[in-house]
Amino acid sequence: GKHGINAEYGELITYYIIRMSLCVELQLWEVALLIILYFGCRKLTEMTAGGIDDTLHELGLYIKHGILRLQETWNEIGISDTEQAEKCESVVSSLRSVLDSLVIGERAWRDCLEEECFQLSERCNEHSRILGSPYLRTEDDMMALLGRRDMLGRRSMELEEDIIRKKQEIEELEDRKISCIKRLGLQPDHYPSIQSDNINRVISLLHLQIKEFEEDMEKRTKRLHLQLEELTELVDSLEIDRHELIGEGLIADDPDTLILSDDAIRRRYDIITKYRSEVNDNMSTSMDLKHQITRLHRLLLKDETLHDSISKRFDSPNHPLYRF
């Protein structure tokens, strides 16, 4: 079966060799077919023989068979030996041109693959630099070009996806940082975005910034709750309208909405000190009033006791004035 197919390929190649020997210009499709036939023969030879030496040997047999058929045809036509030699040279030249074209085409493909691998390698190195990871090793340069191209393509895609994910992470971290800055009452302009070509370094620095902000927020939040607890007691004690303090941002129905700035803490401390003083003044006044009331009460009791004593003396039968 395979040998029969090889014979058919040989007949077709011989046909086109005869046409070239007769100086018949081949059409583009015929040249393409000849190339396909050549590769078909080579593939079948590899399948049957399994080696490059066998492939070359079988190809030589094809060519030899074609030349012999040509010589038979030329003898039948009556072409002289000199003309046959010229035609053989023309055939060999045509075959050489076909093979040269094949080599040029394959080398052009190889060059394209090398350039593609180079561009992919550069892209991988650039992505690795952005990610701050080690540059792509060149030990894979020994790989076949097709395998290396596929490997570099997958690597480049993986790195690009990693960069996209990390950029999204940076956006989320920036939002968290801005929220912390606003809650602390700081100016966002004083904390611009981190500029660095190393995307992993940006993420690491953002995590450090947010950690510092959140630790500061935690301390200030504890202090806020203590202030609010005391301020609420003072407001209730003094019967002060809460809406005025809410409008000034000193208290709120939701404490998590209050600014934790130094200024807010200081103003809240000042109002607590003021209210505390008022409460103390009220307590002092209350104590004074209490003392005065106690004193008056004692005076009243003393006066009543004296009055009762006098009344008893006058009401006694032994009193000289009783009979009057």
C-alpha atoms as a PDB file:
ATOM      1  CA  GLY A   1       0.000   0.000   0.000  1.00  0.00           C
ATOM      2  CA  LYS A   2       2.566   2.605   1.106  1.00  0.00           C
ATOM      3  CA  HIS A   3       5.028   1.529  -1.625  1.00  0.00           C
ATOM      4  CA  GLY A   4       2.236   1.843  -4.200  1.00  0.00           C
ATOM      5  CA  ILE A   5       1.496   5.371  -3.037  1.00  0.00           C
ATOM      6  CA  ASN A   6       5.200   6.240  -3.214  1.00  0.00           C
ATOM      7  CA  ALA A   7       5.257   4.944  -6.819  1.00  0.00           C
ATOM      8  CA  GLU A   8       2.324   7.205  -7.718  1.00  0.00           C
ATOM      9  CA  TYR A   9       4.172  10.189  -6.220  1.00  0.00           C
ATOM     10  CA  GLY A  10       7.195   9.194  -8.295  1.00  0.00           C
ATOM     11  CA  GLU A  11       5.140   9.144 -11.513  1.00  0.00           C
ATOM     12  CA  LEU A  12       3.746  12.614 -10.822  1.00  0.00           C
ATOM     13  CA  ILE A  13       7.187  14.043 -10.052  1.00  0.00           C
ATOM     14  CA  THR A  14       8.513  12.491 -13.258  1.00  0.00           C
ATOM     15  CA  TYR A  15       5.711  14.129 -15.212  1.00  0.00           C
ATOM     16  CA  TYR A  16       6.613  17.599 -13.951  1.00  0.00           C
ATOM     17  CA  ILE A  17      10.333  16.942 -14.480  1.00  0.00           C
ATOM     18  CA  ILE A  18       9.587  16.109 -18.134  1.00  0.00           C
ATOM     19  CA  ARG A  19       7.623  19.342 -18.493  1.00  0.00           C
ATOM     20  CA  MET A  20      10.505  21.333 -17.049  1.00  0.00           C
ATOM     21  CA  SER A  21      12.938  19.539 -19.389  1.00  0.00           C
ATOM     22  CA  LEU A  22      10.843  20.622 -22.361  1.00  0.00           C
ATOM     23  CA  CYS A  23      11.117  24.219 -21.151  1.00  0.00           C
ATOM     24  CA  VAL A  24       7.402  24.345 -20.401  1.00  0.00           C
ATOM     25  CA  GLU A  25       6.747  27.062 -17.837  1.00  0.00           C
ATOM     26  CA  LEU A  26       4.948  25.629 -14.840  1.00  0.00           C
ATOM     27  CA  GLN A  27       1.951  27.385 -13.398  1.00  0.00           C
ATOM     28  CA  LEU A  28       2.078  28.558  -9.799  1.00  0.00           C
ATOM     29  CA  TRP A  29      -0.294  25.808  -8.704  1.00  0.00           C
ATOM     30  CA  GLU A  30       1.850  23.236 -10.434  1.00  0.00           C
ATOM     31  CA  VAL A  31       4.949  24.441  -8.590  1.00  0.00           C
ATOM     32  CA  ALA A  32       2.970  24.299  -5.360  1.00  0.00           C
ATOM     33  CA  LEU A  33       1.819  20.800  -6.217  1.00  0.00           C
ATOM     34  CA  LEU A  34       5.389  19.754  -6.922  1.00  0.00           C
ATOM     35  CA  ILE A  35       6.391  21.064  -3.504  1.00  0.00           C
ATOM     36  CA  ILE A  36       3.515  19.209  -1.893  1.00  0.00           C
ATOM     37  CA  LEU A  37       4.497  16.066  -3.729  1.00  0.00           C
ATOM     38  CA  TYR A  38       8.045  16.452  -2.525  1.00  0.00           C
ATOM     39  CA  PHE A  39       6.951  16.804   1.090  1.00  0.00           C
ATOM     40  CA  GLY A  40       4.463  13.981   0.645  1.00  0.00           C
ATOM     41  CA  CYS A  41       7.204  11.709  -0.573  1.00  0.00           C
ATOM     42  CA  ARG A  42       9.411  12.811   2.281  1.00  0.00           C
ATOM     43  CA  LYS A  43       6.682  12.188   4.847  1.00  0.00           C
ATOM     44  CA  LEU A  44       5.855   8.758   3.457  1.00  0.00           C
ATOM     45  CA  THR A  45       9.534   7.881   3.309  1.00  0.00           C
ATOM     46  CA  GLU A  46       9.966   8.892   6.945  1.00  0.00           C
ATOM     47  CA  MET A  47       6.979   6.752   7.859  1.00  0.00           C
ATOM     48  CA  THR A  48       8.394   3.722   6.056  1.00  0.00           C
ATOM     49  CA  ALA A  49      12.117   4.111   6.564  1.00  0.00           C
ATOM     50  CA  GLY A  50      12.104   6.180   9.765  1.00  0.00           C
ATOM     51  CA  GLY A  51      15.324   8.114   9.115  1.00  0.00           C
ATOM     52  CA  ILE A  52      16.809  10.980   7.113  1.00  0.00           C
ATOM     53  CA  ASP A  53      19.260   8.703   5.304  1.00  0.00           C
ATOM     54  CA  ASP A  54      16.449   6.512   4.015  1.00  0.00           C
ATOM     55  CA  THR A  55      14.510   9.624   3.017  1.00  0.00           C
ATOM     56  CA  LEU A  56      17.398  10.926   0.912  1.00  0.00           C
ATOM     57  CA  HIS A  57      17.953   7.495  -0.586  1.00  0.00           C
ATOM     58  CA  GLU A  58      14.334   7.154  -1.672  1.00  0.00           C
ATOM     59  CA  LEU A  59      14.246  10.684  -3.019  1.00  0.00           C
ATOM     60  CA  GLY A  60      17.367   9.865  -5.070  1.00  0.00           C
ATOM     61  CA  LEU A  61      15.555   6.839  -6.478  1.00  0.00           C
ATOM     62  CA  TYR A  62      12.620   9.075  -7.496  1.00  0.00           C
ATOM     63  CA  ILE A  63      14.934  11.455  -9.288  1.00  0.00           C
ATOM     64  CA  LYS A  64      16.903   8.635 -10.904  1.00  0.00           C
ATOM     65  CA  HIS A  65      13.665   7.012 -12.087  1.00  0.00           C
ATOM     66  CA  GLY A  66      12.541  10.306 -13.579  1.00  0.00           C
ATOM     67  CA  ILE A  67      15.850  10.886 -15.396  1.00  0.00           C
ATOM     68  CA  LEU A  68      15.746   7.388 -16.868  1.00  0.00           C
ATOM     69  CA  ARG A  69      12.205   7.967 -18.120  1.00  0.00           C
ATOM     70  CA  LEU A  70      13.395  11.234 -19.658  1.00  0.00           C
ATOM     71  CA  GLN A  71      16.266   9.545 -21.425  1.00  0.00           C
ATOM     72  CA  GLU A  72      13.874   6.969 -22.872  1.00  0.00           C
ATOM     73  CA  THR A  73      11.582   9.726 -24.072  1.00  0.00           C
ATOM     74  CA  TRP A  74      14.461  11.745 -25.543  1.00  0.00           C
ATOM     75  CA  ASN A  75      15.826   8.698 -27.359  1.00  0.00           C
ATOM     76  CA  GLU A  76      12.398   8.041 -28.843  1.00  0.00           C
ATOM     77  CA  ILE A  77      12.238  11.656 -29.956  1.00  0.00           C
ATOM     78  CA  GLY A  78      15.756  11.511 -31.375  1.00  0.00           C
ATOM     79  CA  ILE A  79      17.410  14.178 -29.269  1.00  0.00           C
ATOM     80  CA  SER A  80      21.188  14.151 -29.428  1.00  0.00           C
ATOM     81  CA  ASP A  81      23.385  13.318 -26.437  1.00  0.00           C
ATOM     82  CA  THR A  82      24.564  16.942 -26.251  1.00  0.00           C
ATOM     83  CA  GLU A  83      20.996  18.247 -26.091  1.00  0.00           C
ATOM     84  CA  GLN A  84      20.078  15.550 -23.581  1.00  0.00           C
ATOM     85  CA  ALA A  85      22.944  16.665 -21.348  1.00  0.00           C
ATOM     86  CA  GLU A  86      21.734  20.284 -21.590  1.00  0.00           C
ATOM     87  CA  LYS A  87      18.167  19.229 -20.784  1.00  0.00           C
ATOM     88  CA  CYS A  88      19.387  17.162 -17.837  1.00  0.00           C
ATOM     89  CA  GLU A  89      21.243  20.198 -16.563  1.00  0.00           C
ATOM     90  CA  SER A  90      18.052  22.230 -16.977  1.00  0.00           C
ATOM     91  CA  VAL A  91      16.106  19.627 -15.007  1.00  0.00           C
ATOM     92  CA  VAL A  92      18.700  19.574 -12.249  1.00  0.00           C
ATOM     93  CA  SER A  93      18.718  23.388 -12.168  1.00  0.00           C
ATOM     94  CA  SER A  94      14.905  23.454 -11.910  1.00  0.00           C
ATOM     95  CA  LEU A  95      14.913  20.917  -9.101  1.00  0.00           C
ATOM     96  CA  ARG A  96      17.651  22.871  -7.353  1.00  0.00           C
ATOM     97  CA  SER A  97      15.541  26.039  -7.659  1.00  0.00           C
ATOM     98  CA  VAL A  98      12.547  24.251  -6.145  1.00  0.00           C
ATOM     99  CA  LEU A  99      14.623  22.954  -3.260  1.00  0.00           C
ATOM    100  CA  ASP A 100      16.256  26.339  -2.762  1.00  0.00           C
ATOM    101  CA  SER A 101      12.820  27.940  -2.652  1.00  0.00           C
ATOM    102  CA  LEU A 102      11.746  25.387  -0.074  1.00  0.00           C
ATOM    103  CA  VAL A 103      14.823  26.075   2.030  1.00  0.00           C
ATOM    104  CA  ILE A 104      14.330  29.840   1.759  1.00  0.00           C
ATOM    105  CA  GLY A 105      10.678  29.482   2.759  1.00  0.00           C
ATOM    106  CA  GLU A 106      11.446  27.252   5.720  1.00  0.00           C
ATOM    107  CA  ARG A 107      14.259  29.502   6.881  1.00  0.00           C
ATOM    108  CA  ALA A 108      11.983  32.514   6.591  1.00  0.00           C
ATOM    109  CA  TRP A 109       9.486  30.692   8.794  1.00  0.00           C
ATOM    110  CA  ARG A 110      12.284  29.847  11.214  1.00  0.00           C
ATOM    111  CA  ASP A 111      13.368  33.511  11.282  1.00  0.00           C
ATOM    112  CA  CYS A 112       9.789  34.579  11.951  1.00  0.00           C
ATOM    113  CA  LEU A 113       9.557  32.090  14.797  1.00  0.00           C
ATOM    114  CA  GLU A 114      12.851  33.337  16.232  1.00  0.00           C
ATOM    115  CA  GLU A 115      11.633  36.936  16.057  1.00  0.00           C
ATOM    116  CA  GLU A 116       8.303  35.962  17.621  1.00  0.00           C
ATOM    117  CA  CYS A 117      10.116  34.123  20.415  1.00  0.00           C
ATOM    118  CA  PHE A 118      12.360  37.132  20.962  1.00  0.00           C
ATOM    119  CA  GLN A 119       9.392  39.519  21.188  1.00  0.00           C
ATOM    120  CA  LEU A 120       7.540  37.170  23.559  1.00  0.00           C
ATOM    121  CA  SER A 121      10.666  36.790  25.684  1.00  0.00           C
ATOM    122  CA  GLU A 122      11.062  40.576  25.885  1.00  0.00           C
ATOM    123  CA  ARG A 123       7.407  40.919  26.808  1.00  0.00           C
ATOM    124  CA  CYS A 124       7.760  38.276  29.536  1.00  0.00           C
ATOM    125  CA  ASN A 125      10.838  40.045  30.884  1.00  0.00           C
ATOM    126  CA  GLU A 126       8.976  43.372  30.936  1.00  0.00           C
ATOM    127  CA  HIS A 127       6.011  41.804  32.737  1.00  0.00           C
ATOM    128  CA  SER A 128       8.401  40.159  35.202  1.00  0.00           C
ATOM    129  CA  ARG A 129      10.080  43.509  35.821  1.00  0.00           C
ATOM    130  CA  ILE A 130       6.715  45.155  36.518  1.00  0.00           C
ATOM    131  CA  LEU A 131       5.808  42.347  38.915  1.00  0.00           C
ATOM    132  CA  GLY A 132       9.210  42.537  40.564  1.00  0.00           C
ATOM    133  CA  SER A 133       9.740  38.831  39.984  1.00  0.00           C
ATOM    134  CA  PRO A 134      12.938  37.263  38.584  1.00  0.00           C
ATOM    135  CA  TYR A 135      13.445  37.746  34.889  1.00  0.00           C
ATOM    136  CA  LEU A 136      12.611  34.832  32.617  1.00  0.00           C
ATOM    137  CA  ARG A 137      15.550  32.428  32.414  1.00  0.00           C
ATOM    138  CA  THR A 138      17.109  31.873  28.999  1.00  0.00           C
ATOM    139  CA  GLU A 139      17.849  28.208  29.635  1.00  0.00           C
ATOM    140  CA  ASP A 140      14.837  27.357  27.470  1.00  0.00           C
ATOM    141  CA  ASP A 141      16.632  28.764  24.421  1.00  0.00           C
ATOM    142  CA  MET A 142      17.619  25.201  23.572  1.00  0.00           C
ATOM    143  CA  MET A 143      13.961  24.254  23.057  1.00  0.00           C
ATOM    144  CA  ALA A 144      12.579  23.836  19.558  1.00  0.00           C
ATOM    145  CA  LEU A 145      11.174  27.117  18.272  1.00  0.00           C
ATOM    146  CA  LEU A 146       7.539  26.011  18.066  1.00  0.00           C
ATOM    147  CA  GLY A 147       7.590  24.636  21.617  1.00  0.00           C
ATOM    148  CA  ARG A 148       9.421  27.694  22.902  1.00  0.00           C
ATOM    149  CA  ARG A 149       6.954  30.031  21.205  1.00  0.00           C
ATOM    150  CA  ASP A 150       3.989  28.228  22.778  1.00  0.00           C
ATOM    151  CA  MET A 151       5.678  28.201  26.190  1.00  0.00           C
ATOM    152  CA  LEU A 152       6.513  31.921  26.015  1.00  0.00           C
ATOM    153  CA  GLY A 153       3.001  32.718  24.793  1.00  0.00           C
ATOM    154  CA  ARG A 154       1.433  30.944  27.766  1.00  0.00           C
ATOM    155  CA  ARG A 155       3.898  32.574  30.151  1.00  0.00           C
ATOM    156  CA  SER A 156       3.197  36.030  28.724  1.00  0.00           C
ATOM    157  CA  MET A 157      -0.568  35.531  29.062  1.00  0.00           C
ATOM    158  CA  GLU A 158      -0.217  34.320  32.661  1.00  0.00           C
ATOM    159  CA  LEU A 159       1.917  37.338  33.559  1.00  0.00           C
ATOM    160  CA  GLU A 160      -0.518  39.744  31.884  1.00  0.00           C
ATOM    161  CA  GLU A 161      -3.418  38.240  33.838  1.00  0.00           C
ATOM    162  CA  ASP A 162      -1.368  38.513  37.035  1.00  0.00           C
ATOM    163  CA  ILE A 163      -0.673  42.198  36.319  1.00  0.00           C
ATOM    164  CA  ILE A 164      -4.385  42.857  35.694  1.00  0.00           C
ATOM    165  CA  ARG A 165      -5.317  41.193  39.008  1.00  0.00           C
ATOM    166  CA  LYS A 166      -2.680  43.149  40.910  1.00  0.00           C
ATOM    167  CA  LYS A 167      -3.771  46.448  39.344  1.00  0.00           C
ATOM    168  CA  GLN A 168      -7.311  45.724  40.519  1.00  0.00           C
ATOM    169  CA  GLU A 169      -5.914  44.961  43.970  1.00  0.00           C
ATOM    170  CA  ILE A 170      -4.072  48.305  43.946  1.00  0.00           C
ATOM    171  CA  GLU A 171      -7.316  50.128  43.094  1.00  0.00           C
ATOM    172  CA  GLU A 172      -9.077  48.438  46.008  1.00  0.00           C
ATOM    173  CA  LEU A 173      -6.189  49.255  48.369  1.00  0.00           C
ATOM    174  CA  GLU A 174      -6.182  52.884  47.199  1.00  0.00           C
ATOM    175  CA  ASP A 175      -9.916  53.101  47.989  1.00  0.00           C
ATOM    176  CA  ARG A 176      -9.279  51.686  51.471  1.00  0.00           C
ATOM    177  CA  LYS A 177      -6.444  54.163  51.998  1.00  0.00           C
ATOM    178  CA  ILE A 178      -8.635  57.113  50.928  1.00  0.00           C
ATOM    179  CA  SER A 179     -11.380  55.957  53.317  1.00  0.00           C
ATOM    180  CA  CYS A 180      -8.881  55.846  56.181  1.00  0.00           C
ATOM    181  CA  ILE A 181      -7.501  59.273  55.282  1.00  0.00           C
ATOM    182  CA  LYS A 182     -10.985  60.817  55.212  1.00  0.00           C
ATOM    183  CA  ARG A 183     -11.983  59.176  58.503  1.00  0.00           C
ATOM    184  CA  LEU A 184      -8.815  60.524  60.125  1.00  0.00           C
ATOM    185  CA  GLY A 185      -9.554  63.981  58.744  1.00  0.00           C
ATOM    186  CA  LEU A 186      -6.298  64.113  56.784  1.00  0.00           C
ATOM    187  CA  GLN A 187      -5.664  65.730  53.415  1.00  0.00           C
ATOM    188  CA  PRO A 188      -5.568  63.178  50.549  1.00  0.00           C
ATOM    189  CA  ASP A 189      -3.135  65.447  48.682  1.00  0.00           C
ATOM    190  CA  HIS A 190      -0.579  64.767  51.395  1.00  0.00           C
ATOM    191  CA  TYR A 191      -0.735  61.042  50.606  1.00  0.00           C
ATOM    192  CA  PRO A 192      -0.462  60.696  46.793  1.00  0.00           C
ATOM    193  CA  SER A 193      -0.461  57.392  44.973  1.00  0.00           C
ATOM    194  CA  ILE A 194       2.783  55.457  45.246  1.00  0.00           C
ATOM    195  CA  GLN A 195       4.854  55.703  42.078  1.00  0.00           C
ATOM    196  CA  SER A 196       6.926  52.647  41.258  1.00  0.00           C
ATOM    197  CA  ASP A 197       7.531  50.354  38.276  1.00  0.00           C
ATOM    198  CA  ASN A 198       7.437  47.393  40.663  1.00  0.00           C
ATOM    199  CA  ILE A 199       3.747  46.578  41.099  1.00  0.00           C
ATOM    200  CA  ASN A 200       4.365  44.176  43.997  1.00  0.00           C
ATOM    201  CA  ARG A 201       6.304  46.885  45.822  1.00  0.00           C
ATOM    202  CA  VAL A 202       3.351  49.268  45.405  1.00  0.00           C
ATOM    203  CA  ILE A 203       1.009  46.666  46.915  1.00  0.00           C
ATOM    204  CA  SER A 204       3.392  46.025  49.809  1.00  0.00           C
ATOM    205  CA  LEU A 205       3.748  49.747  50.604  1.00  0.00           C
ATOM    206  CA  LEU A 206      -0.009  50.270  50.398  1.00  0.00           C
ATOM    207  CA  HIS A 207      -0.571  47.452  52.888  1.00  0.00           C
ATOM    208  CA  LEU A 208       1.929  49.103  55.254  1.00  0.00           C
ATOM    209  CA  GLN A 209       0.241  52.515  54.917  1.00  0.00           C
ATOM    210  CA  ILE A 210      -3.226  51.073  55.500  1.00  0.00           C
ATOM    211  CA  LYS A 211      -1.967  49.112  58.511  1.00  0.00           C
ATOM    212  CA  GLU A 212      -0.596  52.318  60.071  1.00  0.00           C
ATOM    213  CA  PHE A 213      -3.823  54.185  59.359  1.00  0.00           C
ATOM    214  CA  GLU A 214      -6.029  51.427  60.767  1.00  0.00           C
ATOM    215  CA  GLU A 215      -3.924  51.093  63.928  1.00  0.00           C
ATOM    216  CA  ASP A 216      -4.188  54.861  64.457  1.00  0.00           C
ATOM    217  CA  MET A 217      -7.933  54.687  63.768  1.00  0.00           C
ATOM    218  CA  GLU A 218      -8.335  51.922  66.345  1.00  0.00           C
ATOM    219  CA  LYS A 219      -6.635  54.012  69.052  1.00  0.00           C
ATOM    220  CA  ARG A 220      -8.641  57.095  68.162  1.00  0.00           C
ATOM    221  CA  THR A 221     -11.885  55.111  68.036  1.00  0.00           C
ATOM    222  CA  LYS A 222     -11.356  53.886  71.610  1.00  0.00           C
ATOM    223  CA  ARG A 223     -10.698  57.455  72.700  1.00  0.00           C
ATOM    224  CA  LEU A 224     -13.790  58.598  70.798  1.00  0.00           C
ATOM    225  CA  HIS A 225     -16.049  56.114  72.589  1.00  0.00           C
ATOM    226  CA  LEU A 226     -14.736  57.271  75.966  1.00  0.00           C
ATOM    227  CA  GLN A 227     -15.370  60.903  75.038  1.00  0.00           C
ATOM    228  CA  LEU A 228     -18.857  60.140  73.734  1.00  0.00           C
ATOM    229  CA  GLU A 229     -19.741  58.197  76.865  1.00  0.00           C
ATOM    230  CA  GLU A 230     -18.741  61.092  79.105  1.00  0.00           C
ATOM    231  CA  LEU A 231     -20.212  63.711  76.797  1.00  0.00           C
ATOM    232  CA  THR A 232     -23.558  61.891  76.704  1.00  0.00           C
ATOM    233  CA  GLU A 233     -23.709  61.836  80.512  1.00  0.00           C
ATOM    234  CA  LEU A 234     -22.889  65.545  80.706  1.00  0.00           C
ATOM    235  CA  VAL A 235     -25.457  66.456  78.044  1.00  0.00           C
ATOM    236  CA  ASP A 236     -28.133  64.487  79.851  1.00  0.00           C
ATOM    237  CA  SER A 237     -27.120  66.000  83.158  1.00  0.00           C
ATOM    238  CA  LEU A 238     -27.223  69.558  81.834  1.00  0.00           C
ATOM    239  CA  GLU A 239     -30.302  68.853  79.675  1.00  0.00           C
ATOM    240  CA  ILE A 240     -28.580  70.281  76.596  1.00  0.00           C
ATOM    241  CA  ASP A 241     -30.092  69.954  73.102  1.00  0.00           C
ATOM    242  CA  ARG A 242     -28.189  67.186  71.290  1.00  0.00           C
ATOM    243  CA  HIS A 243     -28.924  68.589  67.811  1.00  0.00           C
ATOM    244  CA  GLU A 244     -26.557  71.474  68.382  1.00  0.00           C
ATOM    245  CA  LEU A 245     -23.702  69.069  69.082  1.00  0.00           C
ATOM    246  CA  ILE A 246     -24.695  66.856  66.152  1.00  0.00           C
ATOM    247  CA  GLY A 247     -24.531  69.876  63.850  1.00  0.00           C
ATOM    248  CA  GLU A 248     -21.005  70.617  65.070  1.00  0.00           C
ATOM    249  CA  GLY A 249     -19.924  67.018  64.405  1.00  0.00           C
ATOM    250  CA  LEU A 250     -19.202  66.331  68.086  1.00  0.00           C
ATOM    251  CA  ILE A 251     -21.733  63.518  68.490  1.00  0.00           C
ATOM    252  CA  ALA A 252     -23.764  61.402  66.067  1.00  0.00           C
ATOM    253  CA  ASP A 253     -26.337  58.663  66.048  1.00  0.00           C
ATOM    254  CA  ASP A 254     -23.713  56.477  64.354  1.00  0.00           C
ATOM    255  CA  PRO A 255     -20.281  57.033  65.972  1.00  0.00           C
ATOM    256  CA  ASP A 256     -18.540  55.426  62.980  1.00  0.00           C
ATOM    257  CA  THR A 257     -19.428  58.488  60.900  1.00  0.00           C
ATOM    258  CA  LEU A 258     -17.517  60.890  63.166  1.00  0.00           C
ATOM    259  CA  ILE A 259     -14.165  62.260  62.055  1.00  0.00           C
ATOM    260  CA  LEU A 260     -11.210  61.088  64.117  1.00  0.00           C
ATOM    261  CA  SER A 261      -9.026  64.113  63.449  1.00  0.00           C
ATOM    262  CA  ASP A 262      -6.908  65.825  66.100  1.00  0.00           C
ATOM    263  CA  ASP A 263      -9.089  68.917  65.751  1.00  0.00           C
ATOM    264  CA  ALA A 264     -12.305  66.950  66.348  1.00  0.00           C
ATOM    265  CA  ILE A 265     -10.807  65.239  69.389  1.00  0.00           C
ATOM    266  CA  ARG A 266      -9.609  68.594  70.760  1.00  0.00           C
ATOM    267  CA  ARG A 267     -12.991  70.312  70.221  1.00  0.00           C
ATOM    268  CA  ARG A 268     -14.785  67.408  71.849  1.00  0.00           C
ATOM    269  CA  TYR A 269     -12.334  67.558  74.760  1.00  0.00           C
ATOM    270  CA  ASP A 270     -12.920  71.323  75.115  1.00  0.00           C
ATOM    271  CA  ILE A 271     -16.697  70.956  75.185  1.00  0.00           C
ATOM    272  CA  ILE A 272     -16.409  68.115  77.703  1.00  0.00           C
ATOM    273  CA  THR A 273     -14.195  70.309  79.887  1.00  0.00           C
ATOM    274  CA  LYS A 274     -16.726  73.159  79.602  1.00  0.00           C
ATOM    275  CA  TYR A 275     -19.688  70.938  80.445  1.00  0.00           C
ATOM    276  CA  ARG A 276     -17.761  69.290  83.247  1.00  0.00           C
ATOM    277  CA  SER A 277     -17.059  72.729  84.716  1.00  0.00           C
ATOM    278  CA  GLU A 278     -20.739  73.639  84.446  1.00  0.00           C
ATOM    279  CA  VAL A 279     -21.729  70.418  86.166  1.00  0.00           C
ATOM    280  CA  ASN A 280     -19.193  71.092  88.907  1.00  0.00           C
ATOM    281  CA  ASP A 281     -20.505  74.648  89.272  1.00  0.00           C
ATOM    282  CA  ASN A 282     -24.035  73.328  89.454  1.00  0.00           C
ATOM    283  CA  MET A 283     -23.007  70.792  92.055  1.00  0.00           C
ATOM    284  CA  SER A 284     -21.247  73.507  94.071  1.00  0.00           C
ATOM    285  CA  THR A 285     -24.288  75.742  93.869  1.00  0.00           C
ATOM    286  CA  SER A 286     -26.478  72.814  94.782  1.00  0.00           C
ATOM    287  CA  MET A 287     -24.313  72.066  97.811  1.00  0.00           C
ATOM    288  CA  ASP A 288     -24.435  75.685  98.910  1.00  0.00           C
ATOM    289  CA  LEU A 289     -28.196  75.714  98.594  1.00  0.00           C
ATOM    290  CA  LYS A 290     -28.389  72.444 100.448  1.00  0.00           C
ATOM    291  CA  HIS A 291     -26.287  73.862 103.285  1.00  0.00           C
ATOM    292  CA  GLN A 292     -28.438  76.988 103.436  1.00  0.00           C
ATOM    293  CA  ILE A 293     -31.609  74.929 103.466  1.00  0.00           C
ATOM    294  CA  THR A 294     -30.201  72.725 106.201  1.00  0.00           C
ATOM    295  CA  ARG A 295     -29.259  75.792 108.226  1.00  0.00           C
ATOM    296  CA  LEU A 296     -32.674  77.358 107.764  1.00  0.00           C
ATOM    297  CA  HIS A 297     -34.269  74.104 108.705  1.00  0.00           C
ATOM    298  CA  ARG A 298     -32.248  73.961 111.884  1.00  0.00           C
ATOM    299  CA  LEU A 299     -33.161  77.563 112.689  1.00  0.00           C
ATOM    300  CA  LEU A 300     -36.815  76.793 112.165  1.00  0.00           C
ATOM    301  CA  LEU A 301     -36.614  73.760 114.383  1.00  0.00           C
ATOM    302  CA  LYS A 302     -34.860  75.802 117.063  1.00  0.00           C
ATOM    303  CA  ASP A 303     -37.479  78.550 116.862  1.00  0.00           C
ATOM    304  CA  GLU A 304     -40.304  76.044 117.100  1.00  0.00           C
ATOM    305  CA  THR A 305     -38.675  74.379 120.099  1.00  0.00           C
ATOM    306  CA  LEU A 306     -38.342  77.746 121.865  1.00  0.00           C
ATOM    307  CA  HIS A 307     -41.955  78.649 121.098  1.00  0.00           C
ATOM    308  CA  ASP A 308     -43.201  75.341 122.428  1.00  0.00           C
ATOM    309  CA  SER A 309     -41.190  75.783 125.626  1.00  0.00           C
ATOM    310  CA  ILE A 310     -42.629  79.267 126.241  1.00  0.00           C
ATOM    311  CA  SER A 311     -46.118  78.111 125.512  1.00  0.00           C
ATOM    312  CA  LYS A 312     -45.811  75.256 127.978  1.00  0.00           C
ATOM    313  CA  ARG A 313     -44.559  77.549 130.708  1.00  0.00           C
ATOM    314  CA  PHE A 314     -47.396  80.019 130.289  1.00  0.00           C
ATOM    315  CA  ASP A 315     -49.968  77.269 130.100  1.00  0.00           C
ATOM    316  CA  SER A 316     -48.783  75.708 133.356  1.00  0.00           C
ATOM    317  CA  PRO A 317     -51.180  76.221 136.484  1.00  0.00           C
ATOM    318  CA  ASN A 318     -48.228  77.034 138.601  1.00  0.00           C
ATOM    319  CA  HIS A 319     -47.319  80.005 136.473  1.00  0.00           C
ATOM    320  CA  PRO A 320     -48.142  83.323 138.200  1.00  0.00           C
ATOM    321  CA  LEU A 321     -49.918  84.586 135.148  1.00  0.00           C
ATOM    322  CA  TYR A 322     -51.976  81.473 134.610  1.00  0.00           C
ATOM    323  CA  ARG A 323     -54.932  82.685 136.772  1.00  0.00           C
ATOM    324  CA  PHE A 324     -55.250  85.840 134.770  1.00  0.00           C
END
